[in-house]
C-alpha atoms as a PDB file:
ATOM      1  CA  MET A   1       0.000   0.000   0.000  1.00  0.00           C
ATOM      2  CA  LEU A   2       1.171   3.297  -0.909  1.00  0.00           C
ATOM      3  CA  THR A   3       0.783   6.110   1.435  1.00  0.00           C
ATOM      4  CA  ASN A   4      -0.729   9.367   0.298  1.00  0.00           C
ATOM      5  CA  TRP A   5       2.524  11.227   0.362  1.00  0.00           C
ATOM      6  CA  ILE A   6       3.971   8.712  -2.212  1.00  0.00           C
ATOM      7  CA  ALA A   7       0.783   8.211  -4.290  1.00  0.00           C
ATOM      8  CA  ALA A   8       0.185  11.879  -5.022  1.00  0.00           C
ATOM      9  CA  PRO A   9       3.572  12.495  -6.669  1.00  0.00           C
ATOM     10  CA  LEU A  10       3.281   9.222  -8.640  1.00  0.00           C
ATOM     11  CA  ARG A  11      -0.109  10.297  -9.973  1.00  0.00           C
ATOM     12  CA  LEU A  12       1.336  13.628 -10.961  1.00  0.00           C
ATOM     13  CA  LEU A  13       4.303  11.884 -12.581  1.00  0.00           C
ATOM     14  CA  CYS A  14       1.968   9.590 -14.580  1.00  0.00           C
ATOM     15  CA  ILE A  15      -0.134  12.541 -15.675  1.00  0.00           C
ATOM     16  CA  ALA A  16       2.997  14.477 -16.652  1.00  0.00           C
ATOM     17  CA  ALA A  17       4.399  11.483 -18.589  1.00  0.00           C
ATOM     18  CA  THR A  18       1.101  11.029 -20.414  1.00  0.00           C
ATOM     19  CA  ALA A  19       0.917  14.728 -21.241  1.00  0.00           C
ATOM     20  CA  PHE A  20       4.543  14.689 -22.413  1.00  0.00           C
ATOM     21  CA  SER A  21       3.923  11.667 -24.640  1.00  0.00           C
ATOM     22  CA  PHE A  22       0.819  13.285 -26.064  1.00  0.00           C
ATOM     23  CA  GLY A  23       2.753  16.495 -26.676  1.00  0.00           C
ATOM     24  CA  VAL A  24       5.618  14.663 -28.382  1.00  0.00           C
ATOM     25  CA  GLY A  25       3.132  12.739 -30.526  1.00  0.00           C
ATOM     26  CA  CYS A  26       1.336  15.914 -31.551  1.00  0.00           C
ATOM     27  CA  ALA A  27       4.609  17.683 -32.236  1.00  0.00           C
ATOM     28  CA  GLY A  28       5.807  14.714 -34.298  1.00  0.00           C
ATOM     29  CA  HIS A  29       2.567  14.684 -36.218  1.00  0.00           C
ATOM     30  CA  PHE A  30       2.801  18.393 -36.949  1.00  0.00           C
ATOM     31  CA  TYR A  31       6.509  18.135 -37.769  1.00  0.00           C
ATOM     32  CA  TYR A  32       6.539  14.876 -39.788  1.00  0.00           C
ATOM     33  CA  GLY A  33       2.970  14.960 -41.131  1.00  0.00           C
ATOM     34  CA  PRO A  34       3.723  17.348 -44.009  1.00  0.00           C
ATOM     35  CA  ARG A  35       6.880  15.418 -44.878  1.00  0.00           C
ATOM     36  CA  ILE A  36       5.012  12.124 -44.931  1.00  0.00           C
ATOM     37  CA  GLN A  37       2.277  13.678 -47.055  1.00  0.00           C
ATOM     38  CA  LYS A  38       4.925  15.060 -49.428  1.00  0.00           C
ATOM     39  CA  GLU A  39       6.523  11.601 -49.765  1.00  0.00           C
ATOM     40  CA  ARG A  40       3.127   9.988 -50.354  1.00  0.00           C
ATOM     41  CA  SER A  41       2.355  12.539 -53.049  1.00  0.00           C
ATOM     42  CA  ALA A  42       5.751  11.890 -54.638  1.00  0.00           C
ATOM     43  CA  LEU A  43       5.055   8.144 -54.548  1.00  0.00           C
ATOM     44  CA  VAL A  44       1.661   8.596 -56.220  1.00  0.00           C
ATOM     45  CA  LEU A  45       3.270  10.790 -58.894  1.00  0.00           C
ATOM     46  CA  TYR A  46       6.048   8.227 -59.435  1.00  0.00           C
ATOM     47  CA  LYS A  47       3.523   5.392 -59.790  1.00  0.00           C
ATOM     48  CA  ALA A  48       1.583   7.469 -62.324  1.00  0.00           C
ATOM     49  CA  GLN A  49       4.798   8.131 -64.274  1.00  0.00           C
ATOM     50  CA  LEU A  50       5.620   4.414 -64.242  1.00  0.00           C
ATOM     51  CA  THR A  51       2.131   3.568 -65.475  1.00  0.00           C
ATOM     52  CA  MET A  52       2.424   6.091 -68.310  1.00  0.00           C
ATOM     53  CA  ALA A  53       5.920   4.867 -69.216  1.00  0.00           C
ATOM     54  CA  HIS A  54       4.692   1.268 -69.207  1.00  0.00           C
ATOM     55  CA  ALA A  55       1.754   2.144 -71.482  1.00  0.00           C
ATOM     56  CA  GLN A  56       4.088   4.004 -73.867  1.00  0.00           C
ATOM     57  CA  LEU A  57       6.483   1.051 -73.856  1.00  0.00           C
ATOM     58  CA  ILE A  58       3.714  -1.411 -74.693  1.00  0.00           C
ATOM     59  CA  GLU A  59       2.520   0.836 -77.522  1.00  0.00           C
ATOM     60  CA  ALA A  60       6.054   1.220 -78.923  1.00  0.00           C
ATOM     61  CA  GLN A  61       6.665  -2.527 -78.712  1.00  0.00           C
ATOM     62  CA  ALA A  62       3.393  -3.252 -80.500  1.00  0.00           C
ATOM     63  CA  LYS A  63       4.433  -0.915 -83.321  1.00  0.00           C
ATOM     64  CA  VAL A  64       7.805  -2.680 -83.580  1.00  0.00           C
ATOM     65  CA  VAL A  65       6.117  -6.089 -83.705  1.00  0.00           C
ATOM     66  CA  VAL A  66       3.730  -5.029 -86.471  1.00  0.00           C
ATOM     67  CA  GLN A  67       6.447  -3.277 -88.485  1.00  0.00           C
ATOM     68  CA  THR A  68       8.859  -6.214 -88.197  1.00  0.00           C
ATOM     69  CA  GLU A  69       6.190  -8.752 -89.120  1.00  0.00           C
ATOM     70  CA  ILE A  70       5.210  -6.765 -92.215  1.00  0.00           C
ATOM     71  CA  GLN A  71       8.846  -6.500 -93.308  1.00  0.00           C
ATOM     72  CA  TYR A  72       9.437 -10.220 -92.628  1.00  0.00           C
ATOM     73  CA  ARG A  73       6.363 -11.313 -94.579  1.00  0.00           C
ATOM     74  CA  ASP A  74       7.350  -9.107 -97.519  1.00  0.00           C
ATOM     75  CA  ARG A  75      10.888 -10.514 -97.577  1.00  0.00           C
ATOM     76  CA  ILE A  76       9.683 -14.121 -97.318  1.00  0.00           C
ATOM     77  CA  LYS A  77       7.167 -13.508-100.101  1.00  0.00           C
ATOM     78  CA  ILE A  78       9.953 -12.244-102.384  1.00  0.00           C
ATOM     79  CA  VAL A  79      12.188 -15.220-101.502  1.00  0.00           C
ATOM     80  CA  LYS A  80       9.371 -17.698-102.208  1.00  0.00           C
ATOM     81  CA  GLU A  81       8.493 -16.027-105.521  1.00  0.00           C
ATOM     82  CA  LYS A  82      12.119 -16.176-106.668  1.00  0.00           C
ATOM     83  CA  SER A  83      12.356 -19.811-105.591  1.00  0.00           C
ATOM     84  CA  ASP A  84       9.183 -20.765-107.437  1.00  0.00           C
ATOM     85  CA  THR A  85      10.596 -19.113-110.561  1.00  0.00           C
ATOM     86  CA  ILE A  86      13.882 -21.015-110.201  1.00  0.00           C
ATOM     87  CA  ILE A  87      12.080 -24.340-109.699  1.00  0.00           C
ATOM     88  CA  LYS A  88       9.880 -23.694-112.759  1.00  0.00           C
ATOM     89  CA  GLU A  89      13.024 -22.992-114.826  1.00  0.00           C
ATOM     90  CA  VAL A  90      14.590 -26.397-114.033  1.00  0.00           C
ATOM     91  CA  PRO A  91      13.291 -28.011-117.274  1.00  0.00           C
ATOM     92  CA  ILE A  92      14.988 -25.224-119.239  1.00  0.00           C
ATOM     93  CA  TYR A  93      18.388 -25.987-117.745  1.00  0.00           C
ATOM     94  CA  VAL A  94      18.023 -29.757-117.233  1.00  0.00           C
ATOM     95  CA  THR A  95      16.322 -31.412-120.189  1.00  0.00           C
ATOM     96  CA  GLN A  96      15.090 -34.968-120.608  1.00  0.00           C
ATOM     97  CA  VAL A  97      18.164 -35.667-122.753  1.00  0.00           C
ATOM     98  CA  ASP A  98      20.373 -34.599-119.829  1.00  0.00           C
ATOM     99  CA  THR A  99      18.446 -36.867-117.484  1.00  0.00           C
ATOM    100  CA  GLU A 100      18.891 -39.833-119.835  1.00  0.00           C
ATOM    101  CA  HIS A 101      22.570 -39.069-120.397  1.00  0.00           C
ATOM    102  CA  PHE A 102      23.533 -38.461-116.763  1.00  0.00           C
ATOM    103  CA  GLY A 103      22.292 -40.981-114.246  1.00  0.00           C
ATOM    104  CA  ILE A 104      22.086 -40.632-110.492  1.00  0.00           C
ATOM    105  CA  ASN A 105      23.327 -43.707-108.713  1.00  0.00           C
ATOM    106  CA  VAL A 106      22.236 -45.091-105.327  1.00  0.00           C
ATOM    107  CA  GLY A 107      25.536 -44.007-103.738  1.00  0.00           C
ATOM    108  CA  PHE A 108      24.815 -40.369-104.567  1.00  0.00           C
ATOM    109  CA  VAL A 109      21.337 -40.636-103.043  1.00  0.00           C
ATOM    110  CA  ARG A 110      22.700 -42.328 -99.894  1.00  0.00           C
ATOM    111  CA  HIS A 111      25.389 -39.679 -99.516  1.00  0.00           C
ATOM    112  CA  TYR A 112      22.915 -36.854-100.169  1.00  0.00           C
ATOM    113  CA  ASN A 113      20.454 -38.169 -97.580  1.00  0.00           C
ATOM    114  CA  ALA A 114      23.245 -38.795 -95.061  1.00  0.00           C
ATOM    115  CA  ALA A 115      24.428 -35.216 -95.440  1.00  0.00           C
ATOM    116  CA  PHE A 116      20.953 -33.883 -94.630  1.00  0.00           C
ATOM    117  CA  ALA A 117      20.699 -36.273 -91.675  1.00  0.00           C
ATOM    118  CA  ASN A 118      24.169 -35.150 -90.496  1.00  0.00           C
ATOM    119  CA  GLU A 119      25.232 -38.789 -90.360  1.00  0.00           C
ATOM    120  CA  SER A 120      27.844 -40.850 -92.142  1.00  0.00           C
ATOM    121  CA  ALA A 121      26.659 -42.670 -95.266  1.00  0.00           C
ATOM    122  CA  GLY A 122      28.589 -45.748 -94.212  1.00  0.00           C
ATOM    123  CA  PHE A 123      30.836 -47.888 -96.356  1.00  0.00           C
ATOM    124  CA  ALA A 124      30.413 -47.838-100.119  1.00  0.00           C
ATOM    125  CA  THR A 125      29.118 -51.082-101.590  1.00  0.00           C
ATOM    126  CA  GLU A 126      28.657 -52.441-105.103  1.00  0.00           C
ATOM    127  CA  PHE A 127      24.941 -51.672-104.776  1.00  0.00           C
ATOM    128  CA  ASP A 128      25.841 -47.947-104.621  1.00  0.00           C
ATOM    129  CA  ARG A 129      26.804 -48.087-108.325  1.00  0.00           C
ATOM    130  CA  GLN A 130      23.282 -49.085-109.409  1.00  0.00           C
ATOM    131  CA  PRO A 131      20.981 -46.433-110.954  1.00  0.00           C
ATOM    132  CA  SER A 132      18.595 -44.911-108.423  1.00  0.00           C
ATOM    133  CA  GLY A 133      15.769 -44.019-110.786  1.00  0.00           C
ATOM    134  CA  ILE A 134      15.928 -40.370-109.726  1.00  0.00           C
ATOM    135  CA  SER A 135      16.374 -37.857-112.507  1.00  0.00           C
ATOM    136  CA  ILE A 136      18.766 -34.917-112.481  1.00  0.00           C
ATOM    137  CA  ALA A 137      15.753 -32.631-112.879  1.00  0.00           C
ATOM    138  CA  GLU A 138      14.323 -33.935-109.597  1.00  0.00           C
ATOM    139  CA  ILE A 139      17.670 -33.328-107.897  1.00  0.00           C
ATOM    140  CA  ALA A 140      17.736 -29.783-109.281  1.00  0.00           C
ATOM    141  CA  GLU A 141      14.204 -29.119-108.009  1.00  0.00           C
ATOM    142  CA  VAL A 142      15.032 -30.481-104.552  1.00  0.00           C
ATOM    143  CA  ASN A 143      18.206 -28.393-104.387  1.00  0.00           C
ATOM    144  CA  ALA A 144      16.308 -25.273-105.457  1.00  0.00           C
ATOM    145  CA  PHE A 145      13.709 -25.949-102.767  1.00  0.00           C
ATOM    146  CA  ASN A 146      16.392 -26.537-100.114  1.00  0.00           C
ATOM    147  CA  ALA A 147      18.147 -23.325-101.121  1.00  0.00           C
ATOM    148  CA  ASN A 148      14.804 -21.529-100.810  1.00  0.00           C
ATOM    149  CA  VAL A 149      14.373 -22.849 -97.265  1.00  0.00           C
ATOM    150  CA  CYS A 150      17.895 -21.691 -96.401  1.00  0.00           C
ATOM    151  CA  TRP A 151      17.097 -18.215 -97.713  1.00  0.00           C
ATOM    152  CA  GLN A 152      13.895 -18.175 -95.663  1.00  0.00           C
ATOM    153  CA  TRP A 153      15.865 -19.107 -92.525  1.00  0.00           C
ATOM    154  CA  ARG A 154      18.349 -16.363 -93.341  1.00  0.00           C
ATOM    155  CA  GLU A 155      15.586 -13.790 -93.706  1.00  0.00           C
ATOM    156  CA  GLN A 156      14.011 -15.009 -90.488  1.00  0.00           C
ATOM    157  CA  ALA A 157      17.316 -14.671 -88.613  1.00  0.00           C
ATOM    158  CA  LEU A 158      17.899 -11.188 -90.032  1.00  0.00           C
ATOM    159  CA  GLY A 159      14.332 -10.222 -89.170  1.00  0.00           C
ATOM    160  CA  LEU A 160      14.688 -11.484 -85.602  1.00  0.00           C
ATOM    161  CA  ARG A 161      17.944  -9.575 -85.189  1.00  0.00           C
ATOM    162  CA  ALA A 162      16.340  -6.361 -86.470  1.00  0.00           C
ATOM    163  CA  PHE A 163      13.328  -6.995 -84.230  1.00  0.00           C
ATOM    164  CA  TYR A 164      15.549  -7.413 -81.170  1.00  0.00           C
ATOM    165  CA  GLN A 165      17.512  -4.245 -81.963  1.00  0.00           C
ATOM    166  CA  GLN A 166      14.320  -2.241 -82.449  1.00  0.00           C
ATOM    167  CA  LEU A 167      12.881  -3.604 -79.204  1.00  0.00           C
ATOM    168  CA  GLN A 168      16.011  -2.500 -77.366  1.00  0.00           C
ATOM    169  CA  GLN A 169      15.515   1.017 -78.702  1.00  0.00           C
ATOM    170  CA  THR A 170      11.941   1.167 -77.389  1.00  0.00           C
ATOM    171  CA  PHE A 171      12.994   0.855 -73.743  1.00  0.00           C
ATOM    172  CA  PRO A 172      13.009   4.382 -72.301  1.00  0.00           C
ATOM    173  CA  LEU A 173      14.782   5.315 -69.124  1.00  0.00           C
ATOM    174  CA  THR A 174      12.660   4.467 -66.108  1.00  0.00           C
ATOM    175  CA  PRO A 175      11.387   7.590 -64.374  1.00  0.00           C
ATOM    176  CA  THR A 176      13.011   8.347 -61.024  1.00  0.00           C
ATOM    177  CA  PRO A 177      10.899   9.194 -58.003  1.00  0.00           C
ATOM    178  CA  ALA A 178      10.489  12.888 -57.250  1.00  0.00           C
ATOM    179  CA  GLY A 179      12.650  13.974 -54.358  1.00  0.00           C
ATOM    180  CA  SER A 180      15.112  11.128 -54.770  1.00  0.00           C
ATOM    181  CA  GLY A 181      18.774  11.841 -54.940  1.00  0.00           C
ATOM    182  CA  ALA A 182      21.726  12.655 -52.754  1.00  0.00           C
ATOM    183  CA  ASN A 183      20.048  15.490 -50.822  1.00  0.00           C
ATOM    184  CA  ARG A 184      16.821  13.657 -50.065  1.00  0.00           C
ATOM    185  CA  HIS A 185      16.717  14.397 -46.314  1.00  0.00           C
ATOM    186  CA  SER A 186      18.172  17.880 -46.409  1.00  0.00           C
ATOM    187  CA  ASP A 187      14.937  19.758 -45.674  1.00  0.00           C
END
């Protein structure tokens, strides 16, 4: 039990401590409140800038995608048209007389197929000297088609490289928050 002479000062001390805490809290609110509000406003502004930058980036990337696809399709169309012309011209350059005069043997076909499979054709046998029944004109058409596919791959690779470079150019610098920097807490 506390006696009155001890209880009275303790009550006063508790009241004083409570008043002091309330005063410090109010002073902190009045002192830091505007700063906190300023930082919140800066954060809202920064988020809005990021949203705008993101929307602009998406729009720029969409333009790059459309532009690159149009260019790629045009280039592939030209490559295919040239290839079709070359394949149609095979009978001009390789006639039926040429096909009858020059035969394609089984060894050539085995070696040709092995090259496209990236495998060894194996050992040559006597069977490899037999005629394969494939004409030179067919070989010319297949080679023209394969060359066409290679040109398409080339155009695709060049298109992808251009696409990647254009995408890199669409990335703007990310906006920095207002009030950031070396002297952030100077006020």
